[in-house]
Amino acid sequence: MRAMVLDTPRSPLRRDDRHDVPKLGPHEVLVRVGACGVCRTDLHVVDGELQHPKLPLIPGHEIVGSVVLVGSEVARVHEGDRVGVPWLGWACGECVYCRSSRENLCDRARFTGYDIDGGYAEFTAADERFTFPIPAGYGDAEAAPLLCAGLIGFRALRMAGDAERIGFYGFGASAHIAVQVARYRGQKVYAFTRPSDIHGQEFARSLGAVWAGGSDEPPPEPLDAALIFAPVGALVPTALAALAKGGVVICAGIHMSDIPSFPYEILWGERVVRSVANLTRKDGEEFFAILSRARVRTVITRYPLEQANEALARMRTGGLEGAAVLLPTG
C-alpha cells in the first residue's frame, strides 16, 4: 500500500510503498481509506510540537473508508460497512476516567495518527469499538473533517452551554463546522480571524456569523462564551476581555503557545477559562445524530495523497478555507 510517513519531527513526510497492509488484532478492522482530513493536530505532530509520537508514523485521524476485513472478535462492524476513524483510537475502559464517562482523559488512551498509524495511506487498521458509522448524506471527502474538526468543535460548543453570544477565535476547519451547529441552535456567532483577513471574514459571514472582524478588534457586544481554535495563547486574555460576567473561554486545541499574564480584573466576575481534551464516543454519537437536522456542510480542498506535505504547508500559513482532505485514490 502507499503511505505518507513521518520519520523525524520537523521533516517532510516521505512516500512509502509497503508490501503488506496492517495486520489486525481481534477487535480491529481493516479500512480501505476513501479520504483522510488534514487536521491542525497533524501539523503539531509533524512540526514537533506534540512530543513522543510513534516513529516512524503514518499521520491522519480524520479517516473515512470501507471495511474490507474484520478481526476474530469484531461484533458490531461488518465487511462493506463505511466507517469513520477518529483521534481517540482506544481507551482502557477500566480507569476512574473511563468509568465516569470521561474516556477522553484516560491515561492509557491511544490516539490515531499519533500512537497508532493513521489515514495518510491506502489502508489503516482501527479498533471497531472506536469507529463511527458515517451518515449516507456525506461523501467520503465531505465527511472526513467531521471526524475531528467537527467533533472537537461540537465538544467545545457543548461546553458553551446555552450561551447566546459566542465568539469564534480562529475560523478554520473546526469553526466552519461548529458555526453551523451554533446557528441551528439559535446562537449568535461572532467570528475573529487574523487581522486584515477580509476573505476569511466574508467566509464566516457566509456560514451565518452575525459579525466578523480581526482578532485585534473587540466584538460589538459582550460575549457569553468564546471558543479559541487558533493555537495562540495571547488570544486567551483577548477573549476574556470580550466576555460578559459569568462567561467562559474554551481553548479547543490540543496545543497552544504560552498564555501571557493578564490582570485579574478580566477574569473576575466569575469568568472561566477551560480546555477541551480529545473526545468521547458519546460526543460522536450525539454529533452525528444532529448533522442532518442542522444541515451541516463541509467546505473542503482535495489533495492527492502524495501532496500531503503541500496540504500541511498551506495549513501552516493559514491559506485554507475550510478543511484540506487527502484522497488516496487521487
C-alpha atoms as a PDB file:
ATOM      1  CA  MET A   1       0.000   0.000   0.000  1.00  0.00           C
ATOM      2  CA  ARG A   2       1.032   3.618  -0.484  1.00  0.00           C
ATOM      3  CA  ALA A   3       1.520   5.706   2.649  1.00  0.00           C
ATOM      4  CA  MET A   4       2.962   9.067   3.655  1.00  0.00           C
ATOM      5  CA  VAL A   5       5.316   8.559   6.593  1.00  0.00           C
ATOM      6  CA  LEU A   6       6.863  10.804   9.229  1.00  0.00           C
ATOM      7  CA  ASP A   7      10.352   9.578  10.155  1.00  0.00           C
ATOM      8  CA  THR A   8      11.512  12.552  12.205  1.00  0.00           C
ATOM      9  CA  PRO A   9       9.562  15.561  13.509  1.00  0.00           C
ATOM     10  CA  ARG A  10      10.148  18.786  11.581  1.00  0.00           C
ATOM     11  CA  SER A  11      10.958  16.855   8.403  1.00  0.00           C
ATOM     12  CA  PRO A  12       8.749  16.366   5.336  1.00  0.00           C
ATOM     13  CA  LEU A  13       6.634  13.244   5.046  1.00  0.00           C
ATOM     14  CA  ARG A  14       8.034  10.664   2.650  1.00  0.00           C
ATOM     15  CA  ARG A  15       6.122   8.328   0.366  1.00  0.00           C
ATOM     16  CA  ASP A  16       6.452   4.661   1.320  1.00  0.00           C
ATOM     17  CA  ASP A  17       5.292   1.792  -0.889  1.00  0.00           C
ATOM     18  CA  ARG A  18       4.667  -1.075   1.514  1.00  0.00           C
ATOM     19  CA  HIS A  19       4.255  -4.697   0.557  1.00  0.00           C
ATOM     20  CA  ASP A  20       1.766  -5.508   3.332  1.00  0.00           C
ATOM     21  CA  VAL A  21      -1.392  -3.927   4.708  1.00  0.00           C
ATOM     22  CA  PRO A  22      -1.692  -3.576   8.530  1.00  0.00           C
ATOM     23  CA  LYS A  23      -2.178  -6.793  10.477  1.00  0.00           C
ATOM     24  CA  LEU A  24      -5.345  -6.955  12.586  1.00  0.00           C
ATOM     25  CA  GLY A  25      -5.874  -7.586  16.278  1.00  0.00           C
ATOM     26  CA  PRO A  26      -9.021  -9.432  17.382  1.00  0.00           C
ATOM     27  CA  HIS A  27     -11.114  -6.250  17.775  1.00  0.00           C
ATOM     28  CA  GLU A  28      -9.697  -4.450  14.742  1.00  0.00           C
ATOM     29  CA  VAL A  29     -10.994  -3.863  11.238  1.00  0.00           C
ATOM     30  CA  LEU A  30      -9.040  -3.135   8.088  1.00  0.00           C
ATOM     31  CA  VAL A  31     -10.299   0.026   6.402  1.00  0.00           C
ATOM     32  CA  ARG A  32      -9.673   0.957   2.789  1.00  0.00           C
ATOM     33  CA  VAL A  33      -9.245   4.708   3.160  1.00  0.00           C
ATOM     34  CA  GLY A  34     -11.539   6.747   0.943  1.00  0.00           C
ATOM     35  CA  ALA A  35     -10.468  10.103   2.372  1.00  0.00           C
ATOM     36  CA  CYS A  36      -8.459  11.470   5.284  1.00  0.00           C
ATOM     37  CA  GLY A  37      -8.770  15.015   6.539  1.00  0.00           C
ATOM     38  CA  VAL A  38      -5.691  17.095   7.302  1.00  0.00           C
ATOM     39  CA  CYS A  39      -6.043  18.368  10.865  1.00  0.00           C
ATOM     40  CA  ARG A  40      -4.066  21.005  12.713  1.00  0.00           C
ATOM     41  CA  THR A  41      -3.134  18.267  15.193  1.00  0.00           C
ATOM     42  CA  ASP A  42      -1.318  16.529  12.327  1.00  0.00           C
ATOM     43  CA  LEU A  43       0.621  19.740  11.821  1.00  0.00           C
ATOM     44  CA  HIS A  44       1.538  19.876  15.521  1.00  0.00           C
ATOM     45  CA  VAL A  45       2.809  16.283  15.292  1.00  0.00           C
ATOM     46  CA  VAL A  46       4.817  16.894  12.116  1.00  0.00           C
ATOM     47  CA  ASP A  47       6.247  20.161  13.471  1.00  0.00           C
ATOM     48  CA  GLY A  48       7.373  18.509  16.728  1.00  0.00           C
ATOM     49  CA  GLU A  49       5.011  20.480  18.963  1.00  0.00           C
ATOM     50  CA  LEU A  50       3.396  17.280  20.251  1.00  0.00           C
ATOM     51  CA  GLN A  51       6.210  15.198  21.634  1.00  0.00           C
ATOM     52  CA  HIS A  52       6.799  11.431  21.627  1.00  0.00           C
ATOM     53  CA  PRO A  53       4.724  10.216  18.672  1.00  0.00           C
ATOM     54  CA  LYS A  54       5.274   6.683  17.463  1.00  0.00           C
ATOM     55  CA  LEU A  55       8.046   6.816  14.842  1.00  0.00           C
ATOM     56  CA  PRO A  56       8.021   6.100  12.015  1.00  0.00           C
ATOM     57  CA  LEU A  57       4.396   7.231  11.881  1.00  0.00           C
ATOM     58  CA  ILE A  58       1.603   7.412   9.335  1.00  0.00           C
ATOM     59  CA  PRO A  59      -0.324  10.548  10.434  1.00  0.00           C
ATOM     60  CA  GLY A  60      -4.020  11.229   9.986  1.00  0.00           C
ATOM     61  CA  HIS A  61      -7.070  10.781  12.219  1.00  0.00           C
ATOM     62  CA  GLU A  62      -9.996  12.124  10.190  1.00  0.00           C
ATOM     63  CA  ILE A  63     -10.497   8.891   8.287  1.00  0.00           C
ATOM     64  CA  VAL A  64     -13.456   7.689   6.255  1.00  0.00           C
ATOM     65  CA  GLY A  65     -13.410   4.406   4.390  1.00  0.00           C
ATOM     66  CA  SER A  66     -14.876   0.969   3.816  1.00  0.00           C
ATOM     67  CA  VAL A  67     -14.235  -2.090   5.969  1.00  0.00           C
ATOM     68  CA  VAL A  68     -12.583  -4.842   3.900  1.00  0.00           C
ATOM     69  CA  LEU A  69     -11.579  -7.298   6.653  1.00  0.00           C
ATOM     70  CA  VAL A  70     -12.573  -7.860  10.287  1.00  0.00           C
ATOM     71  CA  GLY A  71     -10.747  -9.345  13.279  1.00  0.00           C
ATOM     72  CA  SER A  72     -11.767 -12.540  15.046  1.00  0.00           C
ATOM     73  CA  GLU A  73     -13.743 -10.803  17.825  1.00  0.00           C
ATOM     74  CA  VAL A  74     -15.331  -7.956  15.863  1.00  0.00           C
ATOM     75  CA  ALA A  75     -19.058  -7.805  16.595  1.00  0.00           C
ATOM     76  CA  ARG A  76     -20.637  -4.532  15.507  1.00  0.00           C
ATOM     77  CA  VAL A  77     -18.927  -3.770  12.177  1.00  0.00           C
ATOM     78  CA  HIS A  78     -19.103  -5.868   9.016  1.00  0.00           C
ATOM     79  CA  GLU A  79     -17.217  -6.071   5.755  1.00  0.00           C
ATOM     80  CA  GLY A  80     -18.564  -3.437   3.385  1.00  0.00           C
ATOM     81  CA  ASP A  81     -19.598  -1.006   6.128  1.00  0.00           C
ATOM     82  CA  ARG A  82     -18.485   2.598   5.765  1.00  0.00           C
ATOM     83  CA  VAL A  83     -16.910   3.897   8.962  1.00  0.00           C
ATOM     84  CA  GLY A  84     -15.147   6.912  10.365  1.00  0.00           C
ATOM     85  CA  VAL A  85     -11.974   6.607  12.433  1.00  0.00           C
ATOM     86  CA  PRO A  86     -11.365   9.490  14.883  1.00  0.00           C
ATOM     87  CA  TRP A  87      -8.479  10.731  17.060  1.00  0.00           C
ATOM     88  CA  LEU A  88      -9.413   8.554  20.055  1.00  0.00           C
ATOM     89  CA  GLY A  89      -8.290   5.134  18.909  1.00  0.00           C
ATOM     90  CA  TRP A  90      -8.528   3.180  22.159  1.00  0.00           C
ATOM     91  CA  ALA A  91      -9.189   3.683  25.885  1.00  0.00           C
ATOM     92  CA  CYS A  92      -8.772   1.165  28.697  1.00  0.00           C
ATOM     93  CA  GLY A  93     -12.386   1.168  29.933  1.00  0.00           C
ATOM     94  CA  GLU A  94     -11.201   0.450  33.486  1.00  0.00           C
ATOM     95  CA  CYS A  95      -9.702   3.620  34.982  1.00  0.00           C
ATOM     96  CA  VAL A  96     -11.554   6.249  37.010  1.00  0.00           C
ATOM     97  CA  TYR A  97     -11.913   8.436  33.924  1.00  0.00           C
ATOM     98  CA  CYS A  98     -13.316   5.721  31.675  1.00  0.00           C
ATOM     99  CA  ARG A  99     -15.710   4.548  34.391  1.00  0.00           C
ATOM    100  CA  SER A 100     -17.046   8.082  34.826  1.00  0.00           C
ATOM    101  CA  SER A 101     -17.793   8.744  31.126  1.00  0.00           C
ATOM    102  CA  ARG A 102     -14.515  10.633  30.665  1.00  0.00           C
ATOM    103  CA  GLU A 103     -12.624   8.242  28.417  1.00  0.00           C
ATOM    104  CA  ASN A 104     -11.130  11.285  26.690  1.00  0.00           C
ATOM    105  CA  LEU A 105      -8.933  11.703  29.793  1.00  0.00           C
ATOM    106  CA  CYS A 106      -7.831   8.056  30.046  1.00  0.00           C
ATOM    107  CA  ASP A 107      -4.137   7.938  30.982  1.00  0.00           C
ATOM    108  CA  ARG A 108      -3.620   4.857  28.812  1.00  0.00           C
ATOM    109  CA  ALA A 109      -5.535   6.134  25.798  1.00  0.00           C
ATOM    110  CA  ARG A 110      -4.035   5.630  22.360  1.00  0.00           C
ATOM    111  CA  PHE A 111      -4.595   8.101  19.562  1.00  0.00           C
ATOM    112  CA  THR A 112      -4.925   7.576  15.823  1.00  0.00           C
ATOM    113  CA  GLY A 113      -2.143   9.150  13.791  1.00  0.00           C
ATOM    114  CA  TYR A 114      -0.017   9.565  16.922  1.00  0.00           C
ATOM    115  CA  ASP A 115       0.262   6.287  18.881  1.00  0.00           C
ATOM    116  CA  ILE A 116      -1.386   4.278  16.074  1.00  0.00           C
ATOM    117  CA  ASP A 117      -0.700   4.572  12.347  1.00  0.00           C
ATOM    118  CA  GLY A 118      -3.391   6.698  10.749  1.00  0.00           C
ATOM    119  CA  GLY A 119      -5.054   7.518   7.472  1.00  0.00           C
ATOM    120  CA  TYR A 120      -2.391   9.109   5.249  1.00  0.00           C
ATOM    121  CA  ALA A 121      -2.391   5.748   3.468  1.00  0.00           C
ATOM    122  CA  GLU A 122      -4.483   3.459   1.304  1.00  0.00           C
ATOM    123  CA  PHE A 123      -5.359   1.197   4.262  1.00  0.00           C
ATOM    124  CA  THR A 124      -5.480   1.555   8.022  1.00  0.00           C
ATOM    125  CA  ALA A 125      -6.404  -0.663  10.967  1.00  0.00           C
ATOM    126  CA  ALA A 126      -8.794   0.572  13.668  1.00  0.00           C
ATOM    127  CA  ASP A 127     -10.471  -0.796  16.779  1.00  0.00           C
ATOM    128  CA  GLU A 128     -14.084  -1.330  15.709  1.00  0.00           C
ATOM    129  CA  ARG A 129     -15.319  -0.142  19.131  1.00  0.00           C
ATOM    130  CA  PHE A 130     -13.928   3.330  18.428  1.00  0.00           C
ATOM    131  CA  THR A 131     -15.297   3.803  14.920  1.00  0.00           C
ATOM    132  CA  PHE A 132     -18.474   5.588  13.851  1.00  0.00           C
ATOM    133  CA  PRO A 133     -20.979   4.851  11.089  1.00  0.00           C
ATOM    134  CA  ILE A 134     -20.971   7.683   8.551  1.00  0.00           C
ATOM    135  CA  PRO A 135     -24.274   9.338   7.516  1.00  0.00           C
ATOM    136  CA  ALA A 136     -25.277   8.479   3.961  1.00  0.00           C
ATOM    137  CA  GLY A 137     -25.699  12.129   3.003  1.00  0.00           C
ATOM    138  CA  TYR A 138     -21.935  12.764   3.017  1.00  0.00           C
ATOM    139  CA  GLY A 139     -19.325  11.576   0.551  1.00  0.00           C
ATOM    140  CA  ASP A 140     -16.043  10.290   1.957  1.00  0.00           C
ATOM    141  CA  ALA A 141     -14.198  13.564   1.365  1.00  0.00           C
ATOM    142  CA  GLU A 142     -17.027  15.719   2.746  1.00  0.00           C
ATOM    143  CA  ALA A 143     -17.329  13.529   5.856  1.00  0.00           C
ATOM    144  CA  ALA A 144     -13.620  13.339   6.726  1.00  0.00           C
ATOM    145  CA  PRO A 145     -13.333  16.733   8.521  1.00  0.00           C
ATOM    146  CA  LEU A 146     -16.271  15.770  10.734  1.00  0.00           C
ATOM    147  CA  LEU A 147     -14.101  13.148  12.468  1.00  0.00           C
ATOM    148  CA  CYS A 148     -12.014  15.699  14.391  1.00  0.00           C
ATOM    149  CA  ALA A 149     -12.622  19.281  13.290  1.00  0.00           C
ATOM    150  CA  GLY A 150     -16.336  18.615  13.629  1.00  0.00           C
ATOM    151  CA  LEU A 151     -16.187  16.534  16.803  1.00  0.00           C
ATOM    152  CA  ILE A 152     -13.837  18.854  18.693  1.00  0.00           C
ATOM    153  CA  GLY A 153     -15.845  21.890  17.619  1.00  0.00           C
ATOM    154  CA  PHE A 154     -19.012  20.166  18.810  1.00  0.00           C
ATOM    155  CA  ARG A 155     -17.485  19.279  22.186  1.00  0.00           C
ATOM    156  CA  ALA A 156     -16.281  22.871  22.590  1.00  0.00           C
ATOM    157  CA  LEU A 157     -19.716  24.176  21.656  1.00  0.00           C
ATOM    158  CA  ARG A 158     -21.349  21.920  24.244  1.00  0.00           C
ATOM    159  CA  MET A 159     -19.066  23.444  26.888  1.00  0.00           C
ATOM    160  CA  ALA A 160     -20.503  26.837  25.959  1.00  0.00           C
ATOM    161  CA  GLY A 161     -23.876  25.576  27.177  1.00  0.00           C
ATOM    162  CA  ASP A 162     -26.794  27.843  26.359  1.00  0.00           C
ATOM    163  CA  ALA A 163     -24.617  30.894  25.684  1.00  0.00           C
ATOM    164  CA  GLU A 164     -26.474  33.278  23.395  1.00  0.00           C
ATOM    165  CA  ARG A 165     -23.480  35.184  22.006  1.00  0.00           C
ATOM    166  CA  ILE A 166     -20.439  33.087  21.079  1.00  0.00           C
ATOM    167  CA  GLY A 167     -17.108  34.298  19.742  1.00  0.00           C
ATOM    168  CA  PHE A 168     -15.019  32.035  17.495  1.00  0.00           C
ATOM    169  CA  TYR A 169     -11.326  32.933  17.556  1.00  0.00           C
ATOM    170  CA  GLY A 170      -9.697  31.312  14.529  1.00  0.00           C
ATOM    171  CA  PHE A 171     -12.020  30.446  11.670  1.00  0.00           C
ATOM    172  CA  GLY A 172     -10.621  27.258  10.192  1.00  0.00           C
ATOM    173  CA  ALA A 173     -11.857  23.698   9.801  1.00  0.00           C
ATOM    174  CA  SER A 174     -13.411  23.323  13.270  1.00  0.00           C
ATOM    175  CA  ALA A 175     -15.034  26.742  13.384  1.00  0.00           C
ATOM    176  CA  HIS A 176     -16.581  26.479   9.938  1.00  0.00           C
ATOM    177  CA  ILE A 177     -18.458  23.353  11.072  1.00  0.00           C
ATOM    178  CA  ALA A 178     -19.279  24.486  14.614  1.00  0.00           C
ATOM    179  CA  VAL A 179     -20.752  27.788  13.443  1.00  0.00           C
ATOM    180  CA  GLN A 180     -23.397  25.883  11.501  1.00  0.00           C
ATOM    181  CA  VAL A 181     -24.363  23.851  14.579  1.00  0.00           C
ATOM    182  CA  ALA A 182     -24.457  27.022  16.693  1.00  0.00           C
ATOM    183  CA  ARG A 183     -26.739  28.760  14.212  1.00  0.00           C
ATOM    184  CA  TYR A 184     -29.030  25.694  14.180  1.00  0.00           C
ATOM    185  CA  ARG A 185     -29.229  26.016  17.978  1.00  0.00           C
ATOM    186  CA  GLY A 186     -30.209  29.675  17.635  1.00  0.00           C
ATOM    187  CA  GLN A 187     -26.935  31.097  18.959  1.00  0.00           C
ATOM    188  CA  LYS A 188     -25.331  34.259  17.593  1.00  0.00           C
ATOM    189  CA  VAL A 189     -21.792  33.787  16.306  1.00  0.00           C
ATOM    190  CA  TYR A 190     -19.071  36.437  16.193  1.00  0.00           C
ATOM    191  CA  ALA A 191     -16.047  35.384  14.111  1.00  0.00           C
ATOM    192  CA  PHE A 192     -12.496  36.592  14.756  1.00  0.00           C
ATOM    193  CA  THR A 193      -9.901  35.947  12.051  1.00  0.00           C
ATOM    194  CA  ARG A 194      -6.322  37.017  11.522  1.00  0.00           C
ATOM    195  CA  PRO A 195      -6.262  40.809  11.244  1.00  0.00           C
ATOM    196  CA  SER A 196      -6.978  42.027   7.708  1.00  0.00           C
ATOM    197  CA  ASP A 197      -8.199  38.584   6.578  1.00  0.00           C
ATOM    198  CA  ILE A 198     -11.133  40.004   4.676  1.00  0.00           C
ATOM    199  CA  HIS A 199     -11.713  36.791   2.748  1.00  0.00           C
ATOM    200  CA  GLY A 200     -11.892  34.745   5.953  1.00  0.00           C
ATOM    201  CA  GLN A 201     -14.358  37.215   7.440  1.00  0.00           C
ATOM    202  CA  GLU A 202     -16.575  37.003   4.362  1.00  0.00           C
ATOM    203  CA  PHE A 203     -16.421  33.199   4.606  1.00  0.00           C
ATOM    204  CA  ALA A 204     -17.546  33.341   8.249  1.00  0.00           C
ATOM    205  CA  ARG A 205     -20.469  35.617   7.418  1.00  0.00           C
ATOM    206  CA  SER A 206     -21.498  33.319   4.553  1.00  0.00           C
ATOM    207  CA  LEU A 207     -21.884  30.498   7.089  1.00  0.00           C
ATOM    208  CA  GLY A 208     -24.015  32.514   9.468  1.00  0.00           C
ATOM    209  CA  ALA A 209     -21.763  34.689  11.605  1.00  0.00           C
ATOM    210  CA  VAL A 210     -23.620  37.878  12.550  1.00  0.00           C
ATOM    211  CA  TRP A 211     -20.326  39.777  12.778  1.00  0.00           C
ATOM    212  CA  ALA A 212     -16.774  39.093  11.615  1.00  0.00           C
ATOM    213  CA  GLY A 213     -13.590  41.022  12.231  1.00  0.00           C
ATOM    214  CA  GLY A 214      -9.938  40.723  13.157  1.00  0.00           C
ATOM    215  CA  SER A 215      -8.831  39.127  16.411  1.00  0.00           C
ATOM    216  CA  ASP A 216      -7.421  42.525  17.375  1.00  0.00           C
ATOM    217  CA  GLU A 217     -10.924  44.052  17.313  1.00  0.00           C
ATOM    218  CA  PRO A 218     -13.491  43.999  20.133  1.00  0.00           C
ATOM    219  CA  PRO A 219     -16.889  42.459  19.375  1.00  0.00           C
ATOM    220  CA  PRO A 220     -19.860  44.823  19.025  1.00  0.00           C
ATOM    221  CA  GLU A 221     -21.345  43.468  22.273  1.00  0.00           C
ATOM    222  CA  PRO A 222     -20.030  41.354  25.184  1.00  0.00           C
ATOM    223  CA  LEU A 223     -19.817  37.607  24.587  1.00  0.00           C
ATOM    224  CA  ASP A 224     -21.290  34.857  26.745  1.00  0.00           C
ATOM    225  CA  ALA A 225     -18.663  32.375  25.535  1.00  0.00           C
ATOM    226  CA  ALA A 226     -15.532  32.399  23.418  1.00  0.00           C
ATOM    227  CA  LEU A 227     -14.161  29.346  21.601  1.00  0.00           C
ATOM    228  CA  ILE A 228     -10.476  29.565  20.722  1.00  0.00           C
ATOM    229  CA  PHE A 229      -9.461  27.330  17.816  1.00  0.00           C
ATOM    230  CA  ALA A 230      -6.240  29.146  16.895  1.00  0.00           C
ATOM    231  CA  PRO A 231      -3.178  27.787  18.789  1.00  0.00           C
ATOM    232  CA  VAL A 232      -2.309  31.258  20.068  1.00  0.00           C
ATOM    233  CA  GLY A 233      -2.094  31.707  23.842  1.00  0.00           C
ATOM    234  CA  ALA A 234      -2.269  35.502  23.547  1.00  0.00           C
ATOM    235  CA  LEU A 235      -5.895  35.132  22.471  1.00  0.00           C
ATOM    236  CA  VAL A 236      -6.917  33.930  25.943  1.00  0.00           C
ATOM    237  CA  PRO A 237      -6.708  37.356  27.639  1.00  0.00           C
ATOM    238  CA  THR A 238      -8.133  38.942  24.477  1.00  0.00           C
ATOM    239  CA  ALA A 239     -11.162  36.652  24.667  1.00  0.00           C
ATOM    240  CA  LEU A 240     -11.512  37.133  28.432  1.00  0.00           C
ATOM    241  CA  ALA A 241     -11.664  40.882  27.933  1.00  0.00           C
ATOM    242  CA  ALA A 242     -14.522  40.377  25.455  1.00  0.00           C
ATOM    243  CA  LEU A 243     -16.660  38.315  27.873  1.00  0.00           C
ATOM    244  CA  ALA A 244     -19.670  39.363  29.861  1.00  0.00           C
ATOM    245  CA  LYS A 245     -19.658  38.416  33.534  1.00  0.00           C
ATOM    246  CA  GLY A 246     -20.139  34.686  34.046  1.00  0.00           C
ATOM    247  CA  GLY A 247     -18.797  33.907  30.572  1.00  0.00           C
ATOM    248  CA  VAL A 248     -16.416  31.132  29.597  1.00  0.00           C
ATOM    249  CA  VAL A 249     -13.336  30.928  27.377  1.00  0.00           C
ATOM    250  CA  ILE A 250     -12.872  27.450  25.880  1.00  0.00           C
ATOM    251  CA  CYS A 251      -9.467  26.534  24.453  1.00  0.00           C
ATOM    252  CA  ALA A 252     -10.286  23.919  21.838  1.00  0.00           C
ATOM    253  CA  GLY A 253      -6.826  22.960  20.548  1.00  0.00           C
ATOM    254  CA  ILE A 254      -4.536  20.172  21.688  1.00  0.00           C
ATOM    255  CA  HIS A 255      -1.554  22.545  21.569  1.00  0.00           C
ATOM    256  CA  MET A 256      -1.308  26.258  22.268  1.00  0.00           C
ATOM    257  CA  SER A 257       1.531  28.707  22.696  1.00  0.00           C
ATOM    258  CA  ASP A 258       2.066  30.021  26.221  1.00  0.00           C
ATOM    259  CA  ILE A 259      -0.672  32.189  27.687  1.00  0.00           C
ATOM    260  CA  PRO A 260       0.730  35.575  28.746  1.00  0.00           C
ATOM    261  CA  SER A 261      -0.004  37.020  32.155  1.00  0.00           C
ATOM    262  CA  PHE A 262      -3.138  39.133  32.393  1.00  0.00           C
ATOM    263  CA  PRO A 263      -4.850  41.314  35.022  1.00  0.00           C
ATOM    264  CA  TYR A 264      -7.182  39.567  37.426  1.00  0.00           C
ATOM    265  CA  GLU A 265      -9.812  42.160  36.563  1.00  0.00           C
ATOM    266  CA  ILE A 266     -10.670  40.450  33.250  1.00  0.00           C
ATOM    267  CA  LEU A 267     -11.112  37.069  34.971  1.00  0.00           C
ATOM    268  CA  TRP A 268     -13.090  38.405  37.934  1.00  0.00           C
ATOM    269  CA  GLY A 269     -16.862  38.333  37.646  1.00  0.00           C
ATOM    270  CA  GLU A 270     -16.984  34.525  37.669  1.00  0.00           C
ATOM    271  CA  ARG A 271     -15.479  34.220  34.232  1.00  0.00           C
ATOM    272  CA  VAL A 272     -13.958  30.819  33.436  1.00  0.00           C
ATOM    273  CA  VAL A 273     -11.081  29.519  31.322  1.00  0.00           C
ATOM    274  CA  ARG A 274     -11.133  25.812  30.416  1.00  0.00           C
ATOM    275  CA  SER A 275      -9.808  23.422  27.785  1.00  0.00           C
ATOM    276  CA  VAL A 276     -11.144  20.700  25.534  1.00  0.00           C
ATOM    277  CA  ALA A 277      -9.185  17.442  25.704  1.00  0.00           C
ATOM    278  CA  ASN A 278      -9.778  14.883  22.962  1.00  0.00           C
ATOM    279  CA  LEU A 279     -13.282  13.405  22.532  1.00  0.00           C
ATOM    280  CA  THR A 280     -15.531  10.614  23.719  1.00  0.00           C
ATOM    281  CA  ARG A 281     -17.581   8.155  21.719  1.00  0.00           C
ATOM    282  CA  LYS A 282     -20.692   9.785  23.151  1.00  0.00           C
ATOM    283  CA  ASP A 283     -19.629  13.065  21.540  1.00  0.00           C
ATOM    284  CA  GLY A 284     -19.572  11.273  18.202  1.00  0.00           C
ATOM    285  CA  GLU A 285     -22.958   9.653  18.655  1.00  0.00           C
ATOM    286  CA  GLU A 286     -24.605  12.976  19.546  1.00  0.00           C
ATOM    287  CA  PHE A 287     -22.772  14.946  16.863  1.00  0.00           C
ATOM    288  CA  PHE A 288     -23.606  12.577  14.003  1.00  0.00           C
ATOM    289  CA  ALA A 289     -27.229  12.483  15.153  1.00  0.00           C
ATOM    290  CA  ILE A 290     -27.566  16.262  14.788  1.00  0.00           C
ATOM    291  CA  LEU A 291     -25.815  16.709  11.437  1.00  0.00           C
ATOM    292  CA  SER A 292     -28.788  16.216   9.123  1.00  0.00           C
ATOM    293  CA  ARG A 293     -31.084  18.399  11.232  1.00  0.00           C
ATOM    294  CA  ALA A 294     -28.513  21.179  11.336  1.00  0.00           C
ATOM    295  CA  ARG A 295     -27.814  20.768   7.589  1.00  0.00           C
ATOM    296  CA  VAL A 296     -24.086  20.950   8.199  1.00  0.00           C
ATOM    297  CA  ARG A 297     -21.922  21.061   5.101  1.00  0.00           C
ATOM    298  CA  THR A 298     -18.157  20.983   4.915  1.00  0.00           C
ATOM    299  CA  VAL A 299     -16.053  23.184   2.671  1.00  0.00           C
ATOM    300  CA  ILE A 300     -13.026  21.213   1.514  1.00  0.00           C
ATOM    301  CA  THR A 301      -9.964  21.379  -0.695  1.00  0.00           C
ATOM    302  CA  ARG A 302      -8.943  18.000  -2.111  1.00  0.00           C
ATOM    303  CA  TYR A 303      -5.329  16.827  -2.439  1.00  0.00           C
ATOM    304  CA  PRO A 304      -3.901  13.563  -3.767  1.00  0.00           C
ATOM    305  CA  LEU A 305      -2.248  11.504  -1.019  1.00  0.00           C
ATOM    306  CA  GLU A 306       1.237  12.309  -2.335  1.00  0.00           C
ATOM    307  CA  GLN A 307       0.585  16.036  -1.816  1.00  0.00           C
ATOM    308  CA  ALA A 308       0.220  15.717   1.964  1.00  0.00           C
ATOM    309  CA  ASN A 309       3.220  17.993   2.518  1.00  0.00           C
ATOM    310  CA  GLU A 310       1.659  20.689   0.335  1.00  0.00           C
ATOM    311  CA  ALA A 311      -1.622  20.470   2.265  1.00  0.00           C
ATOM    312  CA  LEU A 312       0.213  20.775   5.596  1.00  0.00           C
ATOM    313  CA  ALA A 313       2.223  23.728   4.313  1.00  0.00           C
ATOM    314  CA  ARG A 314      -0.910  25.552   3.227  1.00  0.00           C
ATOM    315  CA  MET A 315      -2.466  24.970   6.644  1.00  0.00           C
ATOM    316  CA  ARG A 316       0.716  26.220   8.315  1.00  0.00           C
ATOM    317  CA  THR A 317       0.426  29.575   6.516  1.00  0.00           C
ATOM    318  CA  GLY A 318      -3.315  29.926   7.123  1.00  0.00           C
ATOM    319  CA  GLY A 319      -4.179  29.717   3.451  1.00  0.00           C
ATOM    320  CA  LEU A 320      -7.038  27.229   3.659  1.00  0.00           C
ATOM    321  CA  GLU A 321     -10.750  27.935   3.520  1.00  0.00           C
ATOM    322  CA  GLY A 322     -12.495  25.195   5.467  1.00  0.00           C
ATOM    323  CA  ALA A 323     -10.584  21.901   5.519  1.00  0.00           C
ATOM    324  CA  ALA A 324      -7.990  20.018   3.449  1.00  0.00           C
ATOM    325  CA  VAL A 325      -8.660  16.369   2.589  1.00  0.00           C
ATOM    326  CA  LEU A 326      -6.275  13.753   1.203  1.00  0.00           C
ATOM    327  CA  LEU A 327      -7.567  11.248  -1.350  1.00  0.00           C
ATOM    328  CA  PRO A 328      -5.534   8.023  -1.599  1.00  0.00           C
ATOM    329  CA  THR A 329      -7.133   7.202  -4.939  1.00  0.00           C
ATOM    330  CA  GLY A 330      -6.148  10.544  -6.460  1.00  0.00           C
END
